Each structure stands twice: as C-alpha cells, then as structure tokens.
Amino acid sequence: MLLNTIRDILTVAAPLAIVLGVFIAIFQLRNQTRLRQIDTVMRLFSSFGQETFLGHFQRVTTWKFDNYKTFQESATKEDQISLLVVASLFENMGLLYKRKLATLDLLDDLLSGPLLAAWASTRPIWIGMRAHYAQPQWAEWFEFLNDAMVDRLAKLEGKH
C-alpha cells in the first residue's frame, strides 16, 4: 500500500517537475537575452568615457558650423574625423534601438543629453552631406534615435 502511494505521488510529480523546469529555463533564457543586450550596449557605450572620444565629442558640440557649406569650407581634418567618430557611436546606438537590441529607457539613462547635444550640432552638416552626396541614409539611425528620444522626453515632461 505504501509503495503504491509513493508510486502514485511520483507519477504526478514527474510531469510537474518537467513543466516547472521548462518554465524556469524559459525565464532564464529571456533574462539571458536581456543581459546580453545590456552588455552589448554597455560595451559600445564604454567608448564614450574614453579621453579620445570625449575630445571629439567636445569639439563637435562646441563648433559653430551653421550648415554643410560652412563646414565644407572651414572644417579641419580633425573636425571631419570628430564628426565621424561621434556620429558612429550614436549611429550604432540608434541601430541597436531600431533592431530592439537596446531599450529607449536604457539609452535615455545613458546618453540622452549627449545625444541631443551632438545631433543639434551635427544635424545641419548631415542634412547637407546627404543632399550633396545623394546619400539620404547617412546618419539615419543617429537621427532616428534622436527623434525617438525627443518624443520620449516630451511624453515624460507631459506626465509631470
């Protein structure tokens, strides 16, 4: 009798253990994917704190080029390099956001201020370069991320 009771309990418990194990595995896989996404963003973002990047960022956010023509006529080689270095970081972050590999709230926490400042400084140059070279996709994910961030911040301000 006791042996039959134990066997009946184990017969019921075995499928329950398998179902519980599957749920735990799914939860861990979802969490692992999220952690990989955050790791990818953080590795890319780590360049932001490096001295060389900060020099490029400071150059880009303090220059006075009003349009592409002025940039084309007056920019030094260092200005051109700074434009590309800074844009590359935000372009990559924008692509991660577009592909849903980074959430907008994470990117907001990390770089909303620098993003908005960098786009404000470089927008006239990118718009002019796109037209000049007939390349409308240049810095498109940088702009896409900026626009999404502007929308997010406007919604957050509306809630307060």
C-alpha atoms as a PDB file:
ATOM      1  CA  MET A   1       0.000   0.000   0.000  1.00  0.00           C
ATOM      2  CA  LEU A   2       2.754   2.454   0.954  1.00  0.00           C
ATOM      3  CA  LEU A   3       4.676   1.576  -2.184  1.00  0.00           C
ATOM      4  CA  ASN A   4       1.599   2.243  -4.335  1.00  0.00           C
ATOM      5  CA  THR A   5       1.079   5.647  -2.713  1.00  0.00           C
ATOM      6  CA  ILE A   6       4.707   6.659  -3.310  1.00  0.00           C
ATOM      7  CA  ARG A   7       4.469   5.462  -6.912  1.00  0.00           C
ATOM      8  CA  ASP A   8       1.251   7.492  -7.437  1.00  0.00           C
ATOM      9  CA  ILE A   9       2.845  10.625  -5.963  1.00  0.00           C
ATOM     10  CA  LEU A  10       5.919  10.229  -8.171  1.00  0.00           C
ATOM     11  CA  THR A  11       3.739   9.644 -11.220  1.00  0.00           C
ATOM     12  CA  VAL A  12       2.071  13.020 -10.629  1.00  0.00           C
ATOM     13  CA  ALA A  13       5.235  14.829  -9.514  1.00  0.00           C
ATOM     14  CA  ALA A  14       7.394  13.862 -12.513  1.00  0.00           C
ATOM     15  CA  PRO A  15       5.382  15.778 -15.167  1.00  0.00           C
ATOM     16  CA  LEU A  16       5.008  18.717 -12.782  1.00  0.00           C
ATOM     17  CA  ALA A  17       8.785  18.825 -12.303  1.00  0.00           C
ATOM     18  CA  ILE A  18       9.307  18.796 -16.067  1.00  0.00           C
ATOM     19  CA  VAL A  19       6.804  21.635 -16.589  1.00  0.00           C
ATOM     20  CA  LEU A  20       8.402  23.637 -13.773  1.00  0.00           C
ATOM     21  CA  GLY A  21      11.848  23.037 -15.297  1.00  0.00           C
ATOM     22  CA  VAL A  22      10.655  24.280 -18.695  1.00  0.00           C
ATOM     23  CA  PHE A  23       9.240  27.472 -17.152  1.00  0.00           C
ATOM     24  CA  ILE A  24      12.476  28.113 -15.277  1.00  0.00           C
ATOM     25  CA  ALA A  25      14.512  27.560 -18.456  1.00  0.00           C
ATOM     26  CA  ILE A  26      12.311  29.963 -20.456  1.00  0.00           C
ATOM     27  CA  PHE A  27      12.614  32.596 -17.743  1.00  0.00           C
ATOM     28  CA  GLN A  28      16.399  32.200 -17.633  1.00  0.00           C
ATOM     29  CA  LEU A  29      16.685  32.392 -21.432  1.00  0.00           C
ATOM     30  CA  ARG A  30      14.637  35.597 -21.514  1.00  0.00           C
ATOM     31  CA  ASN A  31      16.771  37.065 -18.772  1.00  0.00           C
ATOM     32  CA  GLN A  32      19.969  35.931 -20.542  1.00  0.00           C
ATOM     33  CA  THR A  33      18.864  37.661 -23.754  1.00  0.00           C
ATOM     34  CA  ARG A  34      18.184  40.863 -21.829  1.00  0.00           C
ATOM     35  CA  LEU A  35      21.568  40.661 -20.128  1.00  0.00           C
ATOM     36  CA  ARG A  36      23.321  40.153 -23.498  1.00  0.00           C
ATOM     37  CA  GLN A  37      21.530  43.196 -24.896  1.00  0.00           C
ATOM     38  CA  ILE A  38      22.568  45.333 -21.945  1.00  0.00           C
ATOM     39  CA  ASP A  39      26.139  44.030 -22.228  1.00  0.00           C
ATOM     40  CA  THR A  40      26.252  44.956 -25.921  1.00  0.00           C
ATOM     41  CA  VAL A  41      25.045  48.488 -25.192  1.00  0.00           C
ATOM     42  CA  MET A  42      27.436  48.928 -22.288  1.00  0.00           C
ATOM     43  CA  ARG A  43      30.450  47.726 -24.296  1.00  0.00           C
ATOM     44  CA  LEU A  44      29.616  50.185 -27.051  1.00  0.00           C
ATOM     45  CA  PHE A  45      28.935  52.931 -24.527  1.00  0.00           C
ATOM     46  CA  SER A  46      32.282  52.345 -22.791  1.00  0.00           C
ATOM     47  CA  SER A  47      33.997  54.259 -25.609  1.00  0.00           C
ATOM     48  CA  PHE A  48      32.029  57.338 -24.548  1.00  0.00           C
ATOM     49  CA  GLY A  49      34.106  57.720 -21.398  1.00  0.00           C
ATOM     50  CA  GLN A  50      37.457  57.423 -23.124  1.00  0.00           C
ATOM     51  CA  GLU A  51      39.545  60.557 -23.347  1.00  0.00           C
ATOM     52  CA  THR A  52      39.902  60.419 -27.131  1.00  0.00           C
ATOM     53  CA  PHE A  53      36.153  60.175 -27.645  1.00  0.00           C
ATOM     54  CA  LEU A  54      35.489  62.967 -25.172  1.00  0.00           C
ATOM     55  CA  GLY A  55      37.829  65.228 -27.139  1.00  0.00           C
ATOM     56  CA  HIS A  56      35.902  64.521 -30.333  1.00  0.00           C
ATOM     57  CA  PHE A  57      32.599  64.997 -28.536  1.00  0.00           C
ATOM     58  CA  GLN A  58      33.677  68.341 -27.076  1.00  0.00           C
ATOM     59  CA  ARG A  59      34.855  69.519 -30.495  1.00  0.00           C
ATOM     60  CA  VAL A  60      31.561  68.534 -32.133  1.00  0.00           C
ATOM     61  CA  THR A  61      29.298  70.061 -29.508  1.00  0.00           C
ATOM     62  CA  THR A  62      31.125  73.384 -29.373  1.00  0.00           C
ATOM     63  CA  TRP A  63      31.765  74.171 -33.009  1.00  0.00           C
ATOM     64  CA  LYS A  64      29.847  76.890 -34.805  1.00  0.00           C
ATOM     65  CA  PHE A  65      29.192  75.399 -38.236  1.00  0.00           C
ATOM     66  CA  ASP A  66      25.685  76.557 -39.191  1.00  0.00           C
ATOM     67  CA  ASN A  67      25.439  74.461 -42.332  1.00  0.00           C
ATOM     68  CA  TYR A  68      27.259  71.992 -44.530  1.00  0.00           C
ATOM     69  CA  LYS A  69      28.700  74.695 -46.790  1.00  0.00           C
ATOM     70  CA  THR A  70      30.417  76.394 -43.847  1.00  0.00           C
ATOM     71  CA  PHE A  71      31.646  73.023 -42.613  1.00  0.00           C
ATOM     72  CA  GLN A  72      32.935  72.131 -46.076  1.00  0.00           C
ATOM     73  CA  GLU A  73      34.813  75.434 -46.368  1.00  0.00           C
ATOM     74  CA  SER A  74      36.183  75.756 -42.827  1.00  0.00           C
ATOM     75  CA  ALA A  75      36.398  72.328 -41.217  1.00  0.00           C
ATOM     76  CA  THR A  76      39.800  70.916 -40.466  1.00  0.00           C
ATOM     77  CA  LYS A  77      40.685  67.275 -40.931  1.00  0.00           C
ATOM     78  CA  GLU A  78      40.276  66.894 -37.148  1.00  0.00           C
ATOM     79  CA  ASP A  79      36.748  68.360 -37.384  1.00  0.00           C
ATOM     80  CA  GLN A  80      35.857  65.844 -40.071  1.00  0.00           C
ATOM     81  CA  ILE A  81      37.245  62.979 -38.024  1.00  0.00           C
ATOM     82  CA  SER A  82      35.395  64.188 -34.913  1.00  0.00           C
ATOM     83  CA  LEU A  83      32.145  64.301 -36.870  1.00  0.00           C
ATOM     84  CA  LEU A  84      32.535  60.687 -37.928  1.00  0.00           C
ATOM     85  CA  VAL A  85      33.739  59.397 -34.550  1.00  0.00           C
ATOM     86  CA  VAL A  86      30.860  60.974 -32.643  1.00  0.00           C
ATOM     87  CA  ALA A  87      28.272  60.067 -35.248  1.00  0.00           C
ATOM     88  CA  SER A  88      29.464  56.442 -35.272  1.00  0.00           C
ATOM     89  CA  LEU A  89      28.693  55.959 -31.597  1.00  0.00           C
ATOM     90  CA  PHE A  90      25.198  57.413 -31.874  1.00  0.00           C
ATOM     91  CA  GLU A  91      24.582  55.695 -35.214  1.00  0.00           C
ATOM     92  CA  ASN A  92      25.403  52.343 -33.620  1.00  0.00           C
ATOM     93  CA  MET A  93      23.226  53.049 -30.590  1.00  0.00           C
ATOM     94  CA  GLY A  94      20.397  54.069 -32.912  1.00  0.00           C
ATOM     95  CA  LEU A  95      20.755  50.842 -34.864  1.00  0.00           C
ATOM     96  CA  LEU A  96      20.645  48.810 -31.640  1.00  0.00           C
ATOM     97  CA  TYR A  97      17.470  50.661 -30.694  1.00  0.00           C
ATOM     98  CA  LYS A  98      15.920  50.193 -34.144  1.00  0.00           C
ATOM     99  CA  ARG A  99      16.640  46.443 -34.018  1.00  0.00           C
ATOM    100  CA  LYS A 100      15.188  46.286 -30.491  1.00  0.00           C
ATOM    101  CA  LEU A 101      18.530  45.270 -29.019  1.00  0.00           C
ATOM    102  CA  ALA A 102      18.505  48.293 -26.709  1.00  0.00           C
ATOM    103  CA  THR A 103      15.559  49.887 -24.977  1.00  0.00           C
ATOM    104  CA  LEU A 104      14.918  53.585 -25.224  1.00  0.00           C
ATOM    105  CA  ASP A 105      14.757  53.941 -21.450  1.00  0.00           C
ATOM    106  CA  LEU A 106      18.246  52.416 -21.102  1.00  0.00           C
ATOM    107  CA  LEU A 107      19.607  54.713 -23.814  1.00  0.00           C
ATOM    108  CA  ASP A 108      17.875  57.656 -22.138  1.00  0.00           C
ATOM    109  CA  ASP A 109      19.567  56.846 -18.851  1.00  0.00           C
ATOM    110  CA  LEU A 110      22.963  56.530 -20.526  1.00  0.00           C
ATOM    111  CA  LEU A 111      23.139  59.238 -23.128  1.00  0.00           C
ATOM    112  CA  SER A 112      20.056  61.330 -23.792  1.00  0.00           C
ATOM    113  CA  GLY A 113      21.789  64.637 -23.034  1.00  0.00           C
ATOM    114  CA  PRO A 114      24.901  63.936 -25.105  1.00  0.00           C
ATOM    115  CA  LEU A 115      22.766  62.506 -27.925  1.00  0.00           C
ATOM    116  CA  LEU A 116      20.598  65.611 -28.168  1.00  0.00           C
ATOM    117  CA  ALA A 117      23.597  67.936 -27.986  1.00  0.00           C
ATOM    118  CA  ALA A 118      25.528  66.013 -30.636  1.00  0.00           C
ATOM    119  CA  TRP A 119      22.582  65.851 -33.048  1.00  0.00           C
ATOM    120  CA  ALA A 120      21.833  69.564 -32.617  1.00  0.00           C
ATOM    121  CA  SER A 121      25.439  70.375 -33.565  1.00  0.00           C
ATOM    122  CA  THR A 122      25.730  67.928 -36.448  1.00  0.00           C
ATOM    123  CA  ARG A 123      22.233  67.961 -37.952  1.00  0.00           C
ATOM    124  CA  PRO A 124      22.854  70.799 -40.428  1.00  0.00           C
ATOM    125  CA  ILE A 125      26.046  69.103 -41.585  1.00  0.00           C
ATOM    126  CA  TRP A 126      24.447  65.691 -42.048  1.00  0.00           C
ATOM    127  CA  ILE A 127      21.461  67.182 -43.882  1.00  0.00           C
ATOM    128  CA  GLY A 128      23.818  68.995 -46.244  1.00  0.00           C
ATOM    129  CA  MET A 129      26.073  65.978 -46.723  1.00  0.00           C
ATOM    130  CA  ARG A 130      23.095  63.759 -47.511  1.00  0.00           C
ATOM    131  CA  ALA A 131      21.968  66.164 -50.220  1.00  0.00           C
ATOM    132  CA  HIS A 132      25.480  66.813 -51.573  1.00  0.00           C
ATOM    133  CA  TYR A 133      26.373  63.131 -51.919  1.00  0.00           C
ATOM    134  CA  ALA A 134      22.820  61.879 -52.594  1.00  0.00           C
ATOM    135  CA  GLN A 135      23.092  59.561 -49.577  1.00  0.00           C
ATOM    136  CA  PRO A 136      19.873  60.011 -47.557  1.00  0.00           C
ATOM    137  CA  GLN A 137      20.769  57.118 -45.265  1.00  0.00           C
ATOM    138  CA  TRP A 138      23.881  58.769 -43.778  1.00  0.00           C
ATOM    139  CA  ALA A 139      23.467  59.130 -40.015  1.00  0.00           C
ATOM    140  CA  GLU A 140      19.899  57.874 -40.323  1.00  0.00           C
ATOM    141  CA  TRP A 141      19.976  55.824 -37.111  1.00  0.00           C
ATOM    142  CA  PHE A 142      21.610  58.727 -35.269  1.00  0.00           C
ATOM    143  CA  GLU A 143      18.670  60.895 -36.357  1.00  0.00           C
ATOM    144  CA  PHE A 144      16.173  58.105 -35.686  1.00  0.00           C
ATOM    145  CA  LEU A 145      17.442  57.717 -32.120  1.00  0.00           C
ATOM    146  CA  ASN A 146      17.441  61.478 -31.582  1.00  0.00           C
ATOM    147  CA  ASP A 147      13.833  61.767 -32.775  1.00  0.00           C
ATOM    148  CA  ALA A 148      12.732  58.850 -30.583  1.00  0.00           C
ATOM    149  CA  MET A 149      14.489  60.417 -27.600  1.00  0.00           C
ATOM    150  CA  VAL A 150      12.870  63.811 -28.233  1.00  0.00           C
ATOM    151  CA  ASP A 151       9.451  62.106 -28.340  1.00  0.00           C
ATOM    152  CA  ARG A 152      10.189  60.147 -25.161  1.00  0.00           C
ATOM    153  CA  LEU A 153      11.338  63.216 -23.251  1.00  0.00           C
ATOM    154  CA  ALA A 154       8.306  65.205 -24.414  1.00  0.00           C
ATOM    155  CA  LYS A 155       5.994  62.442 -23.162  1.00  0.00           C
ATOM    156  CA  LEU A 156       7.840  62.243 -19.848  1.00  0.00           C
ATOM    157  CA  GLU A 157       7.620  66.019 -19.381  1.00  0.00           C
ATOM    158  CA  GLY A 158       3.909  65.888 -20.149  1.00  0.00           C
ATOM    159  CA  LYS A 159       3.405  63.422 -17.285  1.00  0.00           C
ATOM    160  CA  HIS A 160       4.978  65.757 -14.718  1.00  0.00           C
END
